[in-house]
Amino acid sequence: MKRILIIDDDAAIRLLYEEELSEEGYDIISSGGEKGFLQLIAAKRPDLILLDVKLRSRSGLSLLRDIRNAFHGIPVIVTMAYPTFQLNPKSIGADAYVTKSSDLRKLTQQIEKRLVNPDRLYEQAVILGKSAQRRSAESAVQLGMRFPR
């Protein structure tokens, strides 16, 4: 079961995300963004982090910077309550950006996209790789060339 850490100072948003994402089959941990979040990440080892950009206690962007410095491999999806504000997630070091909403389809799509089973990706790459190798070998034979195996 994939584990998601929700960092948001709005208890209602945390509760909404916890309930909906738990129903989707995720193990959920949540935090209001207070101190000790790096220790929480180290102890709970989430597979993905949902991070509110605007926290009361500190900037979500500085929190993101700290997360990236300590745990650069964990995907981070930043959330924001302002739909008119456009944010380029890559420019701030995030993997994705989603506007907060009671309709969580966009959020769950981004989560699923970042939590793809790596074993399945490997299987697909092997299948595609063999297919590409076979096509290259067939093309080489048609041209009268030898293709190394």
N, C-alpha and C. Protein backbone atom coordinates (compact mmCIF):
# COMPACT_ATOMS: atom_id res chain seq x y z
N MET A 1 0.85 -1.18 0.00
CA MET A 1 0.00 0.00 0.00
C MET A 1 0.89 1.24 0.00
N LYS A 2 0.62 2.15 -0.92
CA LYS A 2 1.40 3.38 -1.02
C LYS A 2 0.99 4.36 0.08
N ARG A 3 1.99 5.04 0.61
CA ARG A 3 1.78 5.96 1.73
C ARG A 3 1.93 7.40 1.25
N ILE A 4 0.96 8.24 1.63
CA ILE A 4 0.96 9.65 1.26
C ILE A 4 0.98 10.50 2.52
N LEU A 5 1.88 11.49 2.53
CA LEU A 5 1.94 12.46 3.62
C LEU A 5 1.27 13.74 3.14
N ILE A 6 0.28 14.20 3.90
CA ILE A 6 -0.42 15.45 3.59
C ILE A 6 0.09 16.51 4.55
N ILE A 7 0.61 17.61 4.01
CA ILE A 7 1.06 18.73 4.83
C ILE A 7 0.21 19.93 4.46
N ASP A 8 -0.71 20.28 5.35
CA ASP A 8 -1.63 21.40 5.12
C ASP A 8 -2.08 21.92 6.48
N ASP A 9 -2.11 23.24 6.64
CA ASP A 9 -2.51 23.79 7.93
C ASP A 9 -4.03 23.86 8.09
N ASP A 10 -4.78 23.59 7.05
CA ASP A 10 -6.24 23.59 7.10
C ASP A 10 -6.73 22.19 7.46
N ALA A 11 -7.25 22.05 8.68
CA ALA A 11 -7.68 20.74 9.17
C ALA A 11 -8.80 20.14 8.31
N ALA A 12 -9.68 20.99 7.77
CA ALA A 12 -10.78 20.49 6.93
C ALA A 12 -10.25 19.89 5.63
N ILE A 13 -9.25 20.52 5.04
CA ILE A 13 -8.63 19.99 3.81
C ILE A 13 -7.93 18.67 4.12
N ARG A 14 -7.20 18.64 5.23
CA ARG A 14 -6.51 17.40 5.61
C ARG A 14 -7.52 16.27 5.78
N LEU A 15 -8.62 16.55 6.45
CA LEU A 15 -9.65 15.54 6.68
C LEU A 15 -10.26 15.07 5.35
N LEU A 16 -10.57 16.01 4.46
CA LEU A 16 -11.11 15.66 3.14
C LEU A 16 -10.14 14.75 2.39
N TYR A 17 -8.87 15.16 2.31
CA TYR A 17 -7.86 14.36 1.61
C TYR A 17 -7.69 12.99 2.27
N GLU A 18 -7.64 12.99 3.61
CA GLU A 18 -7.47 11.72 4.33
C GLU A 18 -8.59 10.75 4.00
N GLU A 19 -9.83 11.21 4.09
CA GLU A 19 -10.97 10.33 3.84
C GLU A 19 -11.01 9.84 2.40
N GLU A 20 -10.87 10.76 1.46
CA GLU A 20 -10.97 10.39 0.04
C GLU A 20 -9.82 9.49 -0.41
N LEU A 21 -8.62 9.83 0.00
CA LEU A 21 -7.46 9.05 -0.43
C LEU A 21 -7.38 7.70 0.28
N SER A 22 -7.88 7.63 1.51
CA SER A 22 -7.96 6.34 2.20
C SER A 22 -8.91 5.41 1.46
N GLU A 23 -10.03 5.96 0.99
CA GLU A 23 -10.98 5.17 0.21
C GLU A 23 -10.37 4.69 -1.10
N GLU A 24 -9.40 5.44 -1.63
CA GLU A 24 -8.71 5.04 -2.86
C GLU A 24 -7.66 3.96 -2.60
N GLY A 25 -7.44 3.65 -1.31
CA GLY A 25 -6.52 2.58 -0.97
C GLY A 25 -5.13 3.02 -0.52
N TYR A 26 -4.97 4.31 -0.25
CA TYR A 26 -3.68 4.82 0.20
C TYR A 26 -3.61 4.84 1.72
N ASP A 27 -2.41 4.66 2.25
CA ASP A 27 -2.13 4.83 3.67
C ASP A 27 -1.80 6.30 3.86
N ILE A 28 -2.54 6.99 4.73
CA ILE A 28 -2.41 8.44 4.85
C ILE A 28 -1.82 8.84 6.19
N ILE A 29 -0.89 9.79 6.11
CA ILE A 29 -0.31 10.45 7.29
C ILE A 29 -0.55 11.93 7.05
N SER A 30 -0.83 12.68 8.10
CA SER A 30 -1.03 14.12 7.87
C SER A 30 -0.33 14.95 8.93
N SER A 31 -0.04 16.18 8.53
CA SER A 31 0.66 17.12 9.40
C SER A 31 0.17 18.52 9.07
N GLY A 32 0.15 19.37 10.09
CA GLY A 32 -0.21 20.76 9.89
C GLY A 32 0.96 21.61 9.41
N GLY A 33 2.12 21.00 9.20
CA GLY A 33 3.29 21.73 8.72
C GLY A 33 4.13 22.31 9.84
N GLU A 34 3.82 21.91 11.06
CA GLU A 34 4.61 22.43 12.18
C GLU A 34 6.00 21.78 12.19
N LYS A 35 6.80 22.15 13.16
CA LYS A 35 8.17 21.63 13.24
C LYS A 35 8.18 20.11 13.36
N GLY A 36 9.28 19.53 12.93
CA GLY A 36 9.44 18.09 13.04
C GLY A 36 8.98 17.33 11.81
N PHE A 37 8.65 18.04 10.73
CA PHE A 37 8.16 17.36 9.55
C PHE A 37 9.24 16.51 8.87
N LEU A 38 10.51 16.94 8.94
CA LEU A 38 11.58 16.13 8.34
C LEU A 38 11.75 14.81 9.10
N GLN A 39 11.62 14.86 10.41
CA GLN A 39 11.69 13.63 11.21
C GLN A 39 10.49 12.74 10.89
N LEU A 40 9.32 13.36 10.68
CA LEU A 40 8.13 12.60 10.31
C LEU A 40 8.33 11.89 8.98
N ILE A 41 8.90 12.59 8.00
CA ILE A 41 9.16 11.99 6.69
C ILE A 41 10.15 10.84 6.84
N ALA A 42 11.21 11.05 7.61
CA ALA A 42 12.22 10.00 7.81
C ALA A 42 11.62 8.78 8.51
N ALA A 43 10.75 9.01 9.48
CA ALA A 43 10.17 7.90 10.25
C ALA A 43 9.10 7.15 9.47
N LYS A 44 8.25 7.87 8.74
CA LYS A 44 7.09 7.25 8.07
C LYS A 44 7.37 6.87 6.62
N ARG A 45 8.42 7.44 6.02
CA ARG A 45 8.84 7.11 4.67
C ARG A 45 7.69 7.11 3.65
N PRO A 46 7.07 8.28 3.44
CA PRO A 46 5.96 8.34 2.48
C PRO A 46 6.44 8.13 1.05
N ASP A 47 5.55 7.63 0.21
CA ASP A 47 5.85 7.45 -1.21
C ASP A 47 5.59 8.72 -1.99
N LEU A 48 4.80 9.64 -1.39
CA LEU A 48 4.44 10.89 -2.05
C LEU A 48 4.03 11.89 -0.97
N ILE A 49 4.27 13.17 -1.26
CA ILE A 49 3.89 14.23 -0.32
C ILE A 49 2.98 15.22 -1.03
N LEU A 50 1.85 15.55 -0.38
CA LEU A 50 0.97 16.63 -0.81
C LEU A 50 1.29 17.82 0.08
N LEU A 51 1.67 18.93 -0.51
CA LEU A 51 2.15 20.07 0.27
C LEU A 51 1.40 21.34 -0.10
N ASP A 52 0.78 21.96 0.89
CA ASP A 52 0.14 23.25 0.70
C ASP A 52 1.22 24.31 0.54
N VAL A 53 1.09 25.16 -0.45
CA VAL A 53 2.10 26.20 -0.70
C VAL A 53 2.04 27.29 0.35
N LYS A 54 0.85 27.58 0.86
CA LYS A 54 0.69 28.69 1.81
C LYS A 54 0.28 28.14 3.18
N LEU A 55 1.27 27.96 4.02
CA LEU A 55 1.03 27.51 5.39
C LEU A 55 1.10 28.70 6.34
N ARG A 56 0.40 28.61 7.44
CA ARG A 56 0.43 29.72 8.42
C ARG A 56 1.79 29.81 9.12
N SER A 57 2.35 28.65 9.47
CA SER A 57 3.57 28.64 10.27
C SER A 57 4.82 28.99 9.48
N ARG A 58 4.82 28.69 8.20
CA ARG A 58 5.98 29.00 7.35
C ARG A 58 5.61 28.84 5.90
N SER A 59 6.48 29.25 5.03
CA SER A 59 6.24 29.14 3.60
C SER A 59 6.32 27.68 3.15
N GLY A 60 5.33 27.25 2.41
CA GLY A 60 5.37 25.91 1.85
C GLY A 60 6.52 25.74 0.88
N LEU A 61 6.92 26.84 0.25
CA LEU A 61 8.06 26.77 -0.68
C LEU A 61 9.37 26.52 0.05
N SER A 62 9.53 27.12 1.23
CA SER A 62 10.76 26.85 2.00
C SER A 62 10.72 25.42 2.54
N LEU A 63 9.52 24.96 2.88
CA LEU A 63 9.36 23.58 3.31
C LEU A 63 9.71 22.62 2.17
N LEU A 64 9.27 22.97 0.97
CA LEU A 64 9.59 22.16 -0.22
C LEU A 64 11.10 22.10 -0.43
N ARG A 65 11.75 23.22 -0.26
CA ARG A 65 13.21 23.27 -0.41
C ARG A 65 13.89 22.34 0.61
N ASP A 66 13.41 22.36 1.84
CA ASP A 66 13.96 21.47 2.88
C ASP A 66 13.71 20.01 2.54
N ILE A 67 12.52 19.71 2.04
CA ILE A 67 12.19 18.33 1.65
C ILE A 67 13.10 17.87 0.53
N ARG A 68 13.28 18.72 -0.47
CA ARG A 68 14.13 18.37 -1.62
C ARG A 68 15.58 18.16 -1.19
N ASN A 69 16.06 18.96 -0.26
CA ASN A 69 17.44 18.81 0.22
C ASN A 69 17.65 17.50 0.97
N ALA A 70 16.64 17.09 1.73
CA ALA A 70 16.77 15.89 2.55
C ALA A 70 16.25 14.63 1.87
N PHE A 71 15.22 14.76 1.05
CA PHE A 71 14.56 13.60 0.44
C PHE A 71 14.24 13.90 -1.02
N HIS A 72 15.25 14.02 -1.84
CA HIS A 72 15.05 14.46 -3.22
C HIS A 72 14.27 13.48 -4.09
N GLY A 73 14.16 12.22 -3.70
CA GLY A 73 13.49 11.23 -4.55
C GLY A 73 12.00 11.10 -4.34
N ILE A 74 11.45 11.74 -3.31
CA ILE A 74 10.02 11.60 -3.03
C ILE A 74 9.24 12.60 -3.89
N PRO A 75 8.26 12.13 -4.65
CA PRO A 75 7.45 13.07 -5.43
C PRO A 75 6.66 14.00 -4.51
N VAL A 76 6.61 15.28 -4.89
CA VAL A 76 5.88 16.27 -4.12
C VAL A 76 4.89 16.97 -5.05
N ILE A 77 3.62 16.94 -4.65
CA ILE A 77 2.58 17.66 -5.37
C ILE A 77 2.19 18.84 -4.49
N VAL A 78 2.35 20.05 -5.02
CA VAL A 78 1.97 21.24 -4.26
C VAL A 78 0.52 21.58 -4.57
N THR A 79 -0.17 22.07 -3.54
CA THR A 79 -1.57 22.46 -3.68
C THR A 79 -1.71 23.92 -3.28
N MET A 80 -2.68 24.58 -3.90
CA MET A 80 -2.91 25.98 -3.60
C MET A 80 -4.40 26.26 -3.73
N ALA A 81 -4.91 27.16 -2.92
CA ALA A 81 -6.33 27.48 -2.91
C ALA A 81 -6.74 28.48 -3.99
N TYR A 82 -5.78 29.08 -4.68
CA TYR A 82 -6.08 30.15 -5.61
C TYR A 82 -6.05 29.66 -7.05
N PRO A 83 -7.21 29.42 -7.68
CA PRO A 83 -7.23 28.87 -9.03
C PRO A 83 -6.75 29.84 -10.11
N THR A 84 -6.75 31.14 -9.83
CA THR A 84 -6.33 32.10 -10.83
C THR A 84 -4.81 32.24 -10.89
N PHE A 85 -4.13 31.80 -9.86
CA PHE A 85 -2.68 31.90 -9.82
C PHE A 85 -2.08 30.69 -10.54
N GLN A 86 -1.30 30.95 -11.57
CA GLN A 86 -0.65 29.87 -12.32
C GLN A 86 0.76 29.66 -11.80
N LEU A 87 1.10 28.41 -11.59
CA LEU A 87 2.39 28.07 -11.00
C LEU A 87 3.06 27.02 -11.86
N ASN A 88 4.32 27.22 -12.16
CA ASN A 88 5.08 26.20 -12.87
C ASN A 88 5.75 25.33 -11.81
N PRO A 89 5.27 24.09 -11.63
CA PRO A 89 5.80 23.26 -10.55
C PRO A 89 7.30 23.00 -10.65
N LYS A 90 7.81 22.83 -11.85
CA LYS A 90 9.24 22.53 -12.02
C LYS A 90 10.10 23.70 -11.57
N SER A 91 9.61 24.92 -11.72
CA SER A 91 10.41 26.09 -11.34
C SER A 91 10.62 26.19 -9.83
N ILE A 92 9.75 25.54 -9.06
CA ILE A 92 9.90 25.57 -7.61
C ILE A 92 10.39 24.23 -7.05
N GLY A 93 10.60 23.25 -7.92
CA GLY A 93 11.11 21.96 -7.48
C GLY A 93 10.04 20.94 -7.14
N ALA A 94 8.79 21.22 -7.53
CA ALA A 94 7.70 20.28 -7.28
C ALA A 94 7.51 19.38 -8.50
N ASP A 95 6.82 18.29 -8.29
CA ASP A 95 6.52 17.37 -9.40
C ASP A 95 5.22 17.73 -10.10
N ALA A 96 4.30 18.36 -9.38
CA ALA A 96 3.02 18.76 -9.96
C ALA A 96 2.40 19.84 -9.08
N TYR A 97 1.40 20.50 -9.65
CA TYR A 97 0.66 21.55 -8.96
C TYR A 97 -0.83 21.29 -9.19
N VAL A 98 -1.61 21.35 -8.13
CA VAL A 98 -3.05 21.15 -8.23
C VAL A 98 -3.76 22.22 -7.40
N THR A 99 -4.81 22.81 -7.97
CA THR A 99 -5.63 23.76 -7.22
C THR A 99 -6.55 22.98 -6.30
N LYS A 100 -6.66 23.44 -5.06
CA LYS A 100 -7.53 22.77 -4.08
C LYS A 100 -8.98 22.83 -4.55
N SER A 101 -9.68 21.73 -4.35
CA SER A 101 -11.07 21.64 -4.74
C SER A 101 -11.71 20.47 -4.00
N SER A 102 -13.03 20.52 -3.86
CA SER A 102 -13.72 19.36 -3.26
C SER A 102 -13.81 18.22 -4.26
N ASP A 103 -13.62 18.51 -5.55
CA ASP A 103 -13.55 17.48 -6.59
C ASP A 103 -12.08 17.07 -6.70
N LEU A 104 -11.77 15.89 -6.25
CA LEU A 104 -10.37 15.46 -6.17
C LEU A 104 -9.87 14.69 -7.39
N ARG A 105 -10.61 14.73 -8.50
CA ARG A 105 -10.18 13.97 -9.69
C ARG A 105 -8.80 14.39 -10.19
N LYS A 106 -8.56 15.68 -10.30
CA LYS A 106 -7.25 16.15 -10.79
C LYS A 106 -6.14 15.73 -9.83
N LEU A 107 -6.44 15.86 -8.55
CA LEU A 107 -5.44 15.48 -7.55
C LEU A 107 -5.14 13.98 -7.62
N THR A 108 -6.17 13.16 -7.67
CA THR A 108 -5.94 11.71 -7.72
C THR A 108 -5.24 11.30 -9.02
N GLN A 109 -5.53 12.00 -10.12
CA GLN A 109 -4.82 11.72 -11.37
C GLN A 109 -3.33 12.00 -11.23
N GLN A 110 -3.00 13.13 -10.61
CA GLN A 110 -1.59 13.47 -10.42
C GLN A 110 -0.91 12.49 -9.47
N ILE A 111 -1.62 12.07 -8.43
CA ILE A 111 -1.07 11.09 -7.50
C ILE A 111 -0.80 9.77 -8.22
N GLU A 112 -1.78 9.28 -8.95
CA GLU A 112 -1.63 8.02 -9.68
C GLU A 112 -0.47 8.10 -10.66
N LYS A 113 -0.34 9.23 -11.32
CA LYS A 113 0.74 9.44 -12.29
C LYS A 113 2.12 9.32 -11.63
N ARG A 114 2.23 9.82 -10.40
CA ARG A 114 3.52 9.80 -9.70
C ARG A 114 3.78 8.52 -8.94
N LEU A 115 2.74 7.74 -8.69
CA LEU A 115 2.91 6.51 -7.92
C LEU A 115 2.74 5.26 -8.79
N VAL A 116 3.08 5.39 -10.07
CA VAL A 116 3.02 4.23 -10.96
C VAL A 116 3.94 3.16 -10.42
N ASN A 117 3.50 1.94 -10.48
CA ASN A 117 4.29 0.81 -10.01
C ASN A 117 5.57 0.70 -10.85
N PRO A 118 6.76 0.88 -10.26
CA PRO A 118 8.00 0.82 -11.04
C PRO A 118 8.23 -0.56 -11.65
N ASP A 119 7.75 -1.62 -11.01
CA ASP A 119 7.90 -2.96 -11.59
C ASP A 119 7.14 -3.06 -12.91
N ARG A 120 5.96 -2.45 -12.95
CA ARG A 120 5.15 -2.47 -14.18
C ARG A 120 5.85 -1.67 -15.27
N LEU A 121 6.44 -0.53 -14.91
CA LEU A 121 7.19 0.25 -15.88
C LEU A 121 8.36 -0.55 -16.44
N TYR A 122 9.05 -1.30 -15.57
CA TYR A 122 10.17 -2.11 -16.01
C TYR A 122 9.69 -3.18 -16.98
N GLU A 123 8.56 -3.83 -16.64
CA GLU A 123 8.02 -4.85 -17.53
C GLU A 123 7.69 -4.25 -18.89
N GLN A 124 7.08 -3.08 -18.91
CA GLN A 124 6.74 -2.43 -20.18
C GLN A 124 8.01 -2.08 -20.96
N ALA A 125 9.03 -1.61 -20.27
CA ALA A 125 10.28 -1.24 -20.94
C ALA A 125 10.94 -2.47 -21.54
N VAL A 126 10.91 -3.59 -20.83
CA VAL A 126 11.50 -4.82 -21.35
C VAL A 126 10.75 -5.27 -22.59
N ILE A 127 9.41 -5.24 -22.52
CA ILE A 127 8.60 -5.66 -23.67
C ILE A 127 8.86 -4.74 -24.84
N LEU A 128 8.85 -3.43 -24.61
CA LEU A 128 9.11 -2.48 -25.69
C LEU A 128 10.53 -2.63 -26.21
N GLY A 129 11.47 -2.84 -25.30
CA GLY A 129 12.86 -3.00 -25.70
C GLY A 129 13.06 -4.21 -26.60
N LYS A 130 12.44 -5.34 -26.25
CA LYS A 130 12.55 -6.54 -27.08
C LYS A 130 11.90 -6.32 -28.43
N SER A 131 10.76 -5.63 -28.42
CA SER A 131 10.06 -5.35 -29.66
C SER A 131 10.91 -4.45 -30.56
N ALA A 132 11.52 -3.44 -29.97
CA ALA A 132 12.38 -2.52 -30.74
C ALA A 132 13.61 -3.25 -31.26
N GLN A 133 14.18 -4.12 -30.45
CA GLN A 133 15.36 -4.88 -30.86
C GLN A 133 15.00 -5.81 -32.03
N ARG A 134 13.84 -6.45 -31.92
CA ARG A 134 13.41 -7.36 -32.99
C ARG A 134 13.19 -6.57 -34.28
N ARG A 135 12.54 -5.40 -34.22
CA ARG A 135 12.31 -4.59 -35.42
C ARG A 135 13.63 -4.13 -36.01
N SER A 136 14.60 -3.76 -35.18
CA SER A 136 15.90 -3.33 -35.68
C SER A 136 16.61 -4.47 -36.37
N ALA A 137 16.53 -5.66 -35.79
CA ALA A 137 17.17 -6.83 -36.39
C ALA A 137 16.52 -7.16 -37.73
N GLU A 138 15.19 -7.07 -37.79
CA GLU A 138 14.49 -7.36 -39.05
C GLU A 138 14.88 -6.34 -40.11
N SER A 139 15.00 -5.07 -39.75
CA SER A 139 15.40 -4.04 -40.69
C SER A 139 16.82 -4.28 -41.19
N ALA A 140 17.71 -4.68 -40.29
CA ALA A 140 19.10 -4.95 -40.66
C ALA A 140 19.16 -6.10 -41.65
N VAL A 141 18.36 -7.15 -41.44
CA VAL A 141 18.35 -8.30 -42.35
C VAL A 141 17.85 -7.86 -43.72
N GLN A 142 16.82 -7.03 -43.75
CA GLN A 142 16.28 -6.55 -45.02
C GLN A 142 17.32 -5.75 -45.80
N LEU A 143 18.20 -5.08 -45.10
CA LEU A 143 19.25 -4.28 -45.75
C LEU A 143 20.50 -5.11 -46.02
N GLY A 144 20.46 -6.37 -45.64
CA GLY A 144 21.62 -7.24 -45.86
C GLY A 144 22.73 -7.00 -44.85
N MET A 145 22.40 -6.43 -43.70
CA MET A 145 23.39 -6.15 -42.67
C MET A 145 23.29 -7.19 -41.56
N ARG A 146 24.39 -7.38 -40.87
CA ARG A 146 24.35 -8.23 -39.70
C ARG A 146 24.03 -7.37 -38.48
N PHE A 147 23.17 -7.89 -37.64
CA PHE A 147 22.76 -7.14 -36.45
C PHE A 147 23.25 -7.90 -35.24
N PRO A 148 24.05 -7.30 -34.40
CA PRO A 148 24.57 -8.02 -33.22
C PRO A 148 23.44 -8.37 -32.26
N ARG A 149 23.53 -9.55 -31.68
CA ARG A 149 22.50 -9.98 -30.71
C ARG A 149 23.05 -9.95 -29.32
